[in-house]
């Protein structure tokens, strides 16, 4: 998966009658702390303004110019208030900021409250937020109201903000690829391309015929490399060599178009042409792509491809698309999440094994749909979500749950896990009334809050969060 390290541009607010030592300490302390936490920092030269901070609109203009020159080099701005900080300089500096802004204020020490020692950043933070609100400038604040960079609570805030910034940066000018037309039976995965485009997401589409054409014109070295990669990925003992070689070629062809078109996420038409014409199913290829960080959904579900990308950007981890598939006996807060085999190996209890498609073989005949990756999802906390387009808007839901170690019948087909979600019956009813699809995107860990804030505040989407 991609390195989760973020780069932040640092802003230091000042009010002139506070001691210069507070600024000097913060300029040294904050970059060092961010580096310790695994992040990089850009900092304006100290000589650019008095103390290297901003306390006037004129100095704010200088900072805005500096920020513009470094566009594309940072994913977010940390606005640090070593003292009260001037709100008028701040709005000039950051009015046109293209990234999320985190406002951090230093705490006062109870034994340093004399006029020459105290900070008053607790109070000054309100003035910054007030003026930002007056100007319609979005920003992020996290508890506690004041926090020292050396504290663990600051570390948690930076982790949250980094995940938020990854979502915003990744989904700004994003490209998603639809490989193959939507399967006509699945009107449930319809998507509004114009709505995506208005949110900065470009959708590129290719017909499956081009993929099949490319499979006969591949670079031999790429085929050899893909052969070794797939052999090492999972158990192929039950797969005929002819089917394996076709899966190898399909994998190379899909990789080529993903690279050629700069796709950040992909949704693939997976049936029934591949089974009818090639005798394979691409499930294991989707599993392997997701395992190496190439976000890929099946059944041309573009809404979940976008959701998967957002979740993966925030978690820094693998992601998959599953079906809301089965009840789990009579337990209201448990269900079985499943798909034919696109689950990345990193989310599975073991490497799994490739099989024929036990369901589609009823339509195309046995031995004509090899490629499903049979296995089980390992226990652990997860974040889930999905997206649809409606009335020109991108509408998401998000929530969290846990994969348990509850048993699933040995003859259960595909890759599945028992999910426990508090209030599941209410969640399912809400999803149904909102018109969401039968698919759900899942990533390990709890990243609900940073994803929700990124999508709503900075990307202009609608989000329902299930607590």
Protein backbone atom coordinates (compact mmCIF):
# COMPACT_ATOMS: atom_id res chain seq x y z
CA UNK A 1 0.00 0.00 0.00
CA UNK A 2 1.02 3.62 -0.47
CA UNK A 3 3.12 5.32 2.20
CA UNK A 4 0.77 7.19 4.53
CA UNK A 5 3.27 9.94 5.29
CA UNK A 6 1.78 13.40 4.76
CA UNK A 7 3.43 16.73 4.07
CA UNK A 8 1.97 19.74 5.87
CA UNK A 9 2.56 23.43 5.27
CA UNK A 10 2.99 25.16 8.63
CA UNK A 11 1.48 28.53 9.51
CA UNK A 12 2.37 30.38 12.71
CA UNK A 13 0.03 33.07 14.00
CA UNK A 14 1.29 35.94 16.13
CA UNK A 15 0.13 39.02 17.96
CA UNK A 16 2.96 41.49 18.30
CA UNK A 17 2.96 42.19 22.05
CA UNK A 18 3.58 38.53 22.91
CA UNK A 19 7.20 37.46 23.43
CA UNK A 20 9.18 36.39 20.36
CA UNK A 21 10.45 33.36 22.25
CA UNK A 22 7.05 31.68 21.87
CA UNK A 23 7.36 31.82 18.08
CA UNK A 24 10.94 30.59 18.06
CA UNK A 25 10.03 27.62 20.23
CA UNK A 26 7.05 26.68 18.04
CA UNK A 27 8.99 26.98 14.78
CA UNK A 28 11.58 24.52 16.11
CA UNK A 29 9.20 22.26 17.99
CA UNK A 30 6.37 21.64 15.53
CA UNK A 31 8.41 20.44 12.49
CA UNK A 32 10.46 18.17 14.75
CA UNK A 33 7.32 16.66 16.29
CA UNK A 34 5.73 16.06 12.89
CA UNK A 35 8.87 14.32 11.70
CA UNK A 36 8.80 12.15 14.81
CA UNK A 37 5.23 11.20 13.90
CA UNK A 38 6.30 10.22 10.38
CA UNK A 39 5.32 13.34 8.46
CA UNK A 40 7.12 16.11 6.57
CA UNK A 41 6.70 19.86 6.97
CA UNK A 42 7.15 22.93 4.79
CA UNK A 43 7.91 26.10 6.72
CA UNK A 44 8.25 29.66 5.47
CA UNK A 45 11.68 31.19 6.00
CA UNK A 46 11.97 33.03 9.29
CA UNK A 47 13.26 36.15 7.56
CA UNK A 48 10.15 36.51 5.37
CA UNK A 49 8.19 38.21 8.18
CA UNK A 50 8.78 39.33 11.72
CA UNK A 51 9.60 36.13 13.65
CA UNK A 52 8.62 34.02 10.61
CA UNK A 53 4.97 34.30 11.61
CA UNK A 54 1.89 36.21 10.42
CA UNK A 55 0.45 39.07 12.45
CA UNK A 56 -0.76 41.55 9.79
CA UNK A 57 -2.67 41.39 6.51
CA UNK A 58 0.54 42.41 4.73
CA UNK A 59 2.38 39.44 6.20
CA UNK A 60 -0.64 37.30 5.38
CA UNK A 61 -0.26 38.25 1.72
CA UNK A 62 3.38 37.16 1.85
CA UNK A 63 2.36 33.81 3.31
CA UNK A 64 -0.34 33.36 0.65
CA UNK A 65 2.28 33.97 -2.05
CA UNK A 66 4.61 31.44 -0.42
CA UNK A 67 1.81 28.89 -0.21
CA UNK A 68 0.98 29.41 -3.89
CA UNK A 69 4.61 28.82 -4.90
CA UNK A 70 4.54 25.47 -3.09
CA UNK A 71 1.19 24.31 -4.48
CA UNK A 72 1.13 20.55 -4.90
CA UNK A 73 3.88 19.98 -2.35
CA UNK A 74 1.62 19.72 0.71
CA UNK A 75 -1.67 17.98 1.51
CA UNK A 76 -2.84 20.18 4.36
CA UNK A 77 -2.02 23.28 6.41
CA UNK A 78 -1.44 23.20 10.16
CA UNK A 79 -2.32 26.65 11.50
CA UNK A 80 -0.44 26.85 14.78
CA UNK A 81 -1.14 29.46 17.42
CA UNK A 82 1.76 29.76 19.87
CA UNK A 83 -0.13 32.79 21.22
CA UNK A 84 -3.39 34.62 20.55
CA UNK A 85 -2.63 35.07 16.83
CA UNK A 86 -3.92 37.77 14.49
CA UNK A 87 -7.14 36.81 12.74
CA UNK A 88 -6.93 39.45 9.99
CA UNK A 89 -3.56 38.24 8.78
CA UNK A 90 -4.77 34.66 8.94
CA UNK A 91 -7.71 35.15 6.59
CA UNK A 92 -5.56 36.97 4.02
CA UNK A 93 -2.99 34.20 4.23
CA UNK A 94 -5.38 31.28 3.88
CA UNK A 95 -8.47 32.59 2.10
CA UNK A 96 -7.47 30.77 -1.10
CA UNK A 97 -5.87 27.74 0.53
CA UNK A 98 -6.55 24.69 -1.70
CA UNK A 99 -6.20 22.09 1.06
CA UNK A 100 -7.75 21.30 4.45
CA UNK A 101 -6.64 23.47 7.40
CA UNK A 102 -6.13 22.20 10.94
CA UNK A 103 -6.17 24.88 13.66
CA UNK A 104 -3.95 24.00 16.65
CA UNK A 105 -3.56 26.26 19.69
CA UNK A 106 -0.88 25.95 22.36
CA UNK A 107 -2.05 25.55 25.97
CA UNK A 108 -1.06 27.88 28.80
CA UNK A 109 0.82 26.53 31.82
CA UNK A 110 -0.80 27.35 35.13
CA UNK A 111 2.54 28.49 36.54
CA UNK A 112 3.24 30.79 33.58
CA UNK A 113 0.33 33.22 33.56
CA UNK A 114 2.15 36.52 34.00
CA UNK A 115 1.74 38.95 31.06
CA UNK A 116 5.26 38.20 29.83
CA UNK A 117 4.69 34.43 29.82
CA UNK A 118 1.11 33.51 29.03
CA UNK A 119 -0.14 32.69 25.51
CA UNK A 120 -3.93 33.30 25.41
CA UNK A 121 -4.15 31.01 22.37
CA UNK A 122 -7.24 29.45 23.97
CA UNK A 123 -9.04 32.76 23.35
CA UNK A 124 -7.33 33.65 20.09
CA UNK A 125 -8.42 30.40 18.44
CA UNK A 126 -12.02 31.63 18.62
CA UNK A 127 -11.14 34.81 16.73
CA UNK A 128 -9.48 32.81 13.95
CA UNK A 129 -12.48 30.49 13.67
CA UNK A 130 -14.90 33.42 13.76
CA UNK A 131 -13.25 35.23 10.85
CA UNK A 132 -12.91 32.00 8.87
CA UNK A 133 -16.63 31.39 9.29
CA UNK A 134 -17.43 34.94 8.23
CA UNK A 135 -15.43 34.36 5.05
CA UNK A 136 -16.81 30.89 4.33
CA UNK A 137 -13.41 29.22 4.77
CA UNK A 138 -13.57 25.59 5.84
CA UNK A 139 -11.29 24.36 8.62
CA UNK A 140 -10.84 21.44 10.97
CA UNK A 141 -10.67 21.60 14.76
CA UNK A 142 -10.23 18.66 17.11
CA UNK A 143 -10.42 18.27 20.87
CA UNK A 144 -8.93 19.39 23.15
CA UNK A 145 -9.31 23.09 22.40
CA UNK A 146 -5.63 23.65 23.21
CA UNK A 147 -3.00 20.94 22.83
CA UNK A 148 0.78 20.86 23.05
CA UNK A 149 2.62 19.21 20.14
CA UNK A 150 4.49 16.93 22.52
CA UNK A 151 1.29 15.29 23.79
CA UNK A 152 -0.27 12.02 22.65
CA UNK A 153 -3.54 13.81 21.99
CA UNK A 154 -1.75 15.99 19.44
CA UNK A 155 -0.38 12.82 17.83
CA UNK A 156 -3.94 11.52 17.55
CA UNK A 157 -5.13 14.78 16.01
CA UNK A 158 -2.37 14.71 13.40
CA UNK A 159 -3.17 11.10 12.56
CA UNK A 160 -6.83 12.06 12.03
CA UNK A 161 -5.93 15.12 9.97
CA UNK A 162 -3.48 13.17 7.83
CA UNK A 163 -6.15 10.60 6.98
CA UNK A 164 -8.62 13.38 6.14
CA UNK A 165 -6.05 15.07 3.90
CA UNK A 166 -5.30 11.80 2.09
CA UNK A 167 -8.97 11.44 1.17
CA UNK A 168 -9.27 15.02 -0.05
CA UNK A 169 -6.00 14.94 -2.01
CA UNK A 170 -6.77 11.54 -3.53
CA UNK A 171 -10.31 12.40 -4.61
CA UNK A 172 -9.39 15.79 -6.05
CA UNK A 173 -9.00 15.34 -9.82
CA UNK A 174 -9.47 11.60 -9.44
CA UNK A 175 -9.81 9.21 -12.40
CA UNK A 176 -11.92 6.07 -12.17
CA UNK A 177 -12.04 3.41 -14.85
CA UNK A 178 -15.06 1.40 -15.99
CA UNK A 179 -13.75 -1.65 -17.81
CA UNK A 180 -16.72 -3.11 -19.63
CA UNK A 181 -20.31 -1.88 -19.77
CA UNK A 182 -22.57 -2.19 -16.76
CA UNK A 183 -24.11 -5.66 -16.71
CA UNK A 184 -27.68 -5.03 -17.87
CA UNK A 185 -29.16 -7.11 -15.04
CA UNK A 186 -27.51 -4.85 -12.45
CA UNK A 187 -29.38 -1.58 -12.77
CA UNK A 188 -28.57 -1.29 -9.08
CA UNK A 189 -25.09 -0.01 -9.95
CA UNK A 190 -26.13 2.82 -12.26
CA UNK A 191 -24.00 5.95 -11.86
CA UNK A 192 -24.25 9.57 -12.99
CA UNK A 193 -20.98 10.46 -14.71
CA UNK A 194 -21.79 14.16 -14.74
CA UNK A 195 -22.34 14.15 -10.99
CA UNK A 196 -18.92 12.53 -10.58
CA UNK A 197 -17.34 15.09 -12.89
CA UNK A 198 -18.84 18.00 -10.98
CA UNK A 199 -17.06 16.63 -7.91
CA UNK A 200 -13.76 16.48 -9.81
CA UNK A 201 -13.90 12.77 -10.66
CA UNK A 202 -13.34 11.79 -14.29
CA UNK A 203 -14.69 8.45 -15.49
CA UNK A 204 -12.87 6.64 -18.30
CA UNK A 205 -14.66 3.72 -20.01
CA UNK A 206 -13.31 0.85 -22.08
CA UNK A 207 -15.18 -1.99 -23.75
CA UNK A 208 -14.31 -5.57 -22.82
CA UNK A 209 -13.60 -6.25 -26.50
CA UNK A 210 -10.55 -4.00 -26.25
CA UNK A 211 -9.33 -5.95 -23.24
CA UNK A 212 -9.76 -9.24 -25.08
CA UNK A 213 -7.96 -7.75 -28.10
CA UNK A 214 -5.06 -6.63 -25.91
CA UNK A 215 -4.73 -10.11 -24.41
CA UNK A 216 -3.43 -11.39 -27.76
CA UNK A 217 -0.83 -8.61 -28.07
CA UNK A 218 1.03 -8.61 -24.75
CA UNK A 219 4.64 -8.01 -23.88
CA UNK A 220 6.23 -11.41 -23.12
CA UNK A 221 8.23 -10.09 -20.17
CA UNK A 222 5.08 -8.72 -18.55
CA UNK A 223 3.35 -12.06 -19.02
CA UNK A 224 6.29 -13.90 -17.43
CA UNK A 225 6.34 -11.51 -14.46
CA UNK A 226 2.58 -11.78 -13.94
CA UNK A 227 2.83 -15.56 -14.09
CA UNK A 228 5.26 -15.61 -11.19
CA UNK A 229 3.24 -13.05 -9.22
CA UNK A 230 0.00 -15.01 -9.47
CA UNK A 231 1.64 -18.38 -8.78
CA UNK A 232 2.98 -16.99 -5.52
CA UNK A 233 -0.25 -15.25 -4.56
CA UNK A 234 -2.56 -18.18 -3.77
CA UNK A 235 -3.25 -21.89 -4.30
CA UNK A 236 -3.86 -22.87 -7.93
CA UNK A 237 -3.91 -26.66 -7.57
CA UNK A 238 -7.48 -27.02 -8.83
CA UNK A 239 -7.05 -24.73 -11.87
CA UNK A 240 -6.25 -26.09 -15.36
CA UNK A 241 -3.17 -24.56 -16.96
CA UNK A 242 -5.21 -23.14 -19.87
CA UNK A 243 -7.43 -21.19 -17.48
CA UNK A 244 -4.43 -20.02 -15.48
CA UNK A 245 -2.69 -18.69 -18.59
CA UNK A 246 -5.83 -16.80 -19.62
CA UNK A 247 -6.04 -15.24 -16.17
CA UNK A 248 -2.41 -14.20 -16.45
CA UNK A 249 -3.03 -12.49 -19.78
CA UNK A 250 -6.21 -10.83 -18.54
CA UNK A 251 -4.27 -9.52 -15.54
CA UNK A 252 -1.58 -7.99 -17.72
CA UNK A 253 -4.12 -6.40 -20.07
CA UNK A 254 -6.04 -4.81 -17.18
CA UNK A 255 -2.81 -3.59 -15.55
CA UNK A 256 -1.81 -1.99 -18.85
CA UNK A 257 -5.00 0.04 -19.23
CA UNK A 258 -4.95 1.10 -15.57
CA UNK A 259 -1.45 2.50 -16.10
CA UNK A 260 -2.15 3.94 -19.54
CA UNK A 261 -5.23 5.89 -18.43
CA UNK A 262 -3.90 6.84 -14.99
CA UNK A 263 -6.81 5.18 -13.20
CA UNK A 264 -6.94 5.73 -9.44
CA UNK A 265 -9.72 3.16 -9.03
CA UNK A 266 -11.31 0.58 -11.31
CA UNK A 267 -14.59 -1.28 -11.67
CA UNK A 268 -14.60 -4.36 -13.88
CA UNK A 269 -17.39 -6.14 -15.75
CA UNK A 270 -16.83 -9.66 -14.50
CA UNK A 271 -19.65 -11.71 -16.05
CA UNK A 272 -20.74 -13.38 -18.22
CA UNK A 273 -18.61 -12.61 -21.28
CA UNK A 274 -15.38 -13.67 -19.56
CA UNK A 275 -16.91 -16.98 -18.59
CA UNK A 276 -18.59 -17.57 -21.96
CA UNK A 277 -15.68 -16.49 -24.17
CA UNK A 278 -12.60 -17.14 -22.06
CA UNK A 279 -13.74 -19.75 -19.54
CA UNK A 280 -12.51 -17.71 -16.55
CA UNK A 281 -13.71 -15.39 -13.79
CA UNK A 282 -11.50 -12.42 -12.78
CA UNK A 283 -12.17 -12.58 -9.01
CA UNK A 284 -8.63 -13.61 -8.03
CA UNK A 285 -7.16 -10.86 -10.23
CA UNK A 286 -9.31 -8.28 -8.44
CA UNK A 287 -8.14 -9.76 -5.13
CA UNK A 288 -4.49 -9.42 -6.14
CA UNK A 289 -4.98 -5.87 -7.46
CA UNK A 290 -6.59 -4.77 -4.22
CA UNK A 291 -3.86 -6.47 -2.23
CA UNK A 292 -1.21 -4.32 -3.92
CA UNK A 293 -3.22 -1.14 -3.58
CA UNK A 294 -4.91 -0.90 -6.99
CA UNK A 295 -8.47 -0.22 -5.83
CA UNK A 296 -10.76 -2.46 -7.88
CA UNK A 297 -14.48 -3.24 -7.64
CA UNK A 298 -16.39 -5.87 -9.56
CA UNK A 299 -19.70 -5.76 -11.47
CA UNK A 300 -18.83 -2.27 -12.78
CA UNK A 301 -19.91 -0.74 -9.47
CA UNK A 302 -18.40 2.71 -9.88
CA UNK A 303 -20.02 4.05 -6.72
CA UNK A 304 -18.25 1.48 -4.61
CA UNK A 305 -15.00 1.90 -6.55
CA UNK A 306 -15.03 5.55 -5.45
CA UNK A 307 -15.99 4.60 -1.89
CA UNK A 308 -13.25 1.97 -1.76
CA UNK A 309 -10.71 4.56 -2.83
CA UNK A 310 -11.81 6.99 -0.12
CA UNK A 311 -11.67 4.31 2.58
CA UNK A 312 -8.28 3.05 1.44
CA UNK A 313 -6.86 6.57 1.26
CA UNK A 314 -7.87 7.14 4.87
CA UNK A 315 -6.86 3.77 6.28
CA UNK A 316 -3.64 3.35 4.31
CA UNK A 317 -4.73 -0.25 4.05
CA UNK A 318 -6.35 -2.69 1.65
CA UNK A 319 -10.02 -2.49 0.76
CA UNK A 320 -12.65 -4.68 -0.84
CA UNK A 321 -16.21 -4.66 -2.17
CA UNK A 322 -18.64 -7.19 -0.66
CA UNK A 323 -22.31 -8.12 -0.83
CA UNK A 324 -24.72 -7.58 2.03
CA UNK A 325 -25.45 -11.25 1.56
CA UNK A 326 -26.92 -13.36 4.38
CA UNK A 327 -28.45 -13.22 7.81
CA UNK A 328 -26.51 -15.02 10.54
CA UNK A 329 -29.08 -17.28 12.13
CA UNK A 330 -31.39 -15.08 14.22
CA UNK A 331 -28.72 -12.68 15.53
CA UNK A 332 -29.95 -9.17 14.72
CA UNK A 333 -26.54 -7.50 14.84
CA UNK A 334 -24.71 -10.05 12.69
CA UNK A 335 -24.73 -10.86 8.99
CA UNK A 336 -22.51 -12.55 6.40
CA UNK A 337 -20.61 -10.25 4.04
CA UNK A 338 -19.44 -12.09 0.94
CA UNK A 339 -18.19 -11.97 -2.59
CA UNK A 340 -16.97 -14.51 -5.12
CA UNK A 341 -13.32 -13.88 -4.33
CA UNK A 342 -12.12 -10.27 -4.82
CA UNK A 343 -11.08 -9.97 -1.15
CA UNK A 344 -7.36 -9.06 -0.88
CA UNK A 345 -5.17 -11.72 0.71
CA UNK A 346 -4.24 -9.25 3.46
CA UNK A 347 -7.84 -9.39 4.70
CA UNK A 348 -8.11 -13.18 4.55
CA UNK A 349 -7.43 -15.76 7.24
CA UNK A 350 -5.13 -17.55 4.78
CA UNK A 351 -4.10 -17.28 1.13
CA UNK A 352 -7.21 -19.10 -0.08
CA UNK A 353 -7.52 -21.28 -3.15
CA UNK A 354 -8.75 -20.65 -6.69
CA UNK A 355 -11.84 -22.57 -7.80
CA UNK A 356 -14.46 -22.73 -10.48
CA UNK A 357 -17.39 -20.32 -10.02
CA UNK A 358 -19.94 -22.52 -8.23
CA UNK A 359 -22.81 -20.17 -9.03
CA UNK A 360 -22.08 -19.03 -12.60
CA UNK A 361 -21.22 -22.56 -13.67
CA UNK A 362 -24.96 -23.20 -13.52
CA UNK A 363 -25.25 -20.82 -16.46
CA UNK A 364 -22.01 -21.43 -18.40
CA UNK A 365 -21.23 -25.02 -17.42
CA UNK A 366 -18.68 -26.51 -15.07
CA UNK A 367 -15.05 -25.71 -15.82
CA UNK A 368 -15.84 -22.45 -17.65
CA UNK A 369 -15.47 -19.96 -14.79
CA UNK A 370 -12.20 -20.62 -12.98
CA UNK A 371 -10.90 -17.66 -10.98
CA UNK A 372 -12.85 -17.41 -7.74
CA UNK A 373 -10.66 -17.11 -4.64
CA UNK A 374 -12.24 -19.27 -1.94
CA UNK A 375 -11.49 -18.37 1.68
CA UNK A 376 -12.59 -16.56 4.82
CA UNK A 377 -12.16 -12.98 6.03
CA UNK A 378 -10.05 -12.76 9.18
CA UNK A 379 -11.45 -11.20 12.37
CA UNK A 380 -10.93 -7.51 13.07
CA UNK A 381 -12.44 -4.03 13.19
CA UNK A 382 -13.53 -2.47 9.90
CA UNK A 383 -15.06 0.65 8.37
CA UNK A 384 -17.78 0.20 5.77
CA UNK A 385 -19.48 2.50 3.28
CA UNK A 386 -21.08 2.93 -0.11
CA UNK A 387 -22.05 5.68 -2.54
CA UNK A 388 -24.76 6.44 -5.07
CA UNK A 389 -25.44 9.45 -7.27
CA UNK A 390 -28.81 11.19 -7.05
CA UNK A 391 -29.99 14.61 -8.19
CA UNK A 392 -26.44 15.51 -9.20
CA UNK A 393 -25.04 14.68 -5.76
CA UNK A 394 -22.69 12.01 -4.48
CA UNK A 395 -24.38 10.43 -1.46
CA UNK A 396 -22.47 8.17 0.92
CA UNK A 397 -23.12 6.21 4.06
CA UNK A 398 -20.40 5.19 6.51
CA UNK A 399 -20.22 3.03 9.61
CA UNK A 400 -18.01 0.63 11.53
CA UNK A 401 -18.21 -2.98 12.58
CA UNK A 402 -16.16 -6.05 13.38
CA UNK A 403 -15.51 -9.30 11.57
CA UNK A 404 -15.88 -12.07 14.14
CA UNK A 405 -14.47 -15.58 14.34
CA UNK A 406 -17.95 -17.11 14.09
CA UNK A 407 -18.11 -20.16 11.87
CA UNK A 408 -19.55 -20.25 8.37
CA UNK A 409 -20.52 -23.57 6.79
CA UNK A 410 -17.59 -25.24 5.06
CA UNK A 411 -19.50 -25.48 1.77
CA UNK A 412 -20.25 -21.73 1.69
CA UNK A 413 -18.98 -20.50 -1.69
CA UNK A 414 -16.49 -17.66 -2.21
CA UNK A 415 -14.83 -15.47 0.41
CA UNK A 416 -16.97 -14.43 3.37
CA UNK A 417 -16.90 -13.20 6.94
CA UNK A 418 -19.37 -12.78 9.77
CA UNK A 419 -19.83 -9.06 10.44
CA UNK A 420 -21.11 -7.70 13.73
CA UNK A 421 -22.54 -4.17 13.48
CA UNK A 422 -24.35 -2.44 16.34
CA UNK A 423 -27.91 -1.60 15.32
CA UNK A 424 -27.54 -3.59 12.10
CA UNK A 425 -31.27 -3.89 11.48
CA UNK A 426 -31.67 -0.10 11.60
CA UNK A 427 -28.66 0.26 9.28
CA UNK A 428 -30.14 -2.15 6.76
CA UNK A 429 -33.51 -0.41 6.82
CA UNK A 430 -31.88 2.98 6.32
CA UNK A 431 -29.80 1.70 3.41
CA UNK A 432 -32.91 0.28 1.82
CA UNK A 433 -34.97 3.43 2.19
CA UNK A 434 -32.13 5.55 0.79
CA UNK A 435 -31.93 3.36 -2.32
CA UNK A 436 -28.35 2.18 -1.85
CA UNK A 437 -27.06 -0.87 -3.65
CA UNK A 438 -26.45 -4.39 -2.37
CA UNK A 439 -22.69 -3.83 -2.32
CA UNK A 440 -20.64 -2.41 0.55
CA UNK A 441 -17.00 -1.30 0.65
CA UNK A 442 -14.86 -2.40 3.59
CA UNK A 443 -11.38 -1.51 4.91
CA UNK A 444 -9.68 -2.59 8.16
CA UNK A 445 -9.70 -0.15 11.10
CA UNK A 446 -11.95 2.72 12.19
CA UNK A 447 -11.63 5.73 9.86
CA UNK A 448 -15.28 6.80 9.80
CA UNK A 449 -14.82 10.30 11.20
CA UNK A 450 -11.94 11.58 9.02
CA UNK A 451 -13.57 10.14 5.89
CA UNK A 452 -16.94 11.71 6.77
CA UNK A 453 -15.39 15.13 7.40
CA UNK A 454 -13.33 14.98 4.21
CA UNK A 455 -16.34 14.04 2.09
CA UNK A 456 -18.76 16.57 3.56
CA UNK A 457 -16.73 19.62 4.50
CA UNK A 458 -14.03 19.63 1.83
CA UNK A 459 -15.52 17.65 -1.09
CA UNK A 460 -19.15 18.75 -0.91
CA UNK A 461 -20.76 15.30 -0.69
CA UNK A 462 -23.69 14.14 1.40
CA UNK A 463 -22.89 11.57 4.10
CA UNK A 464 -25.01 9.57 6.53
CA UNK A 465 -22.98 8.15 9.42
CA UNK A 466 -24.28 5.14 11.32
CA UNK A 467 -23.06 5.41 14.91
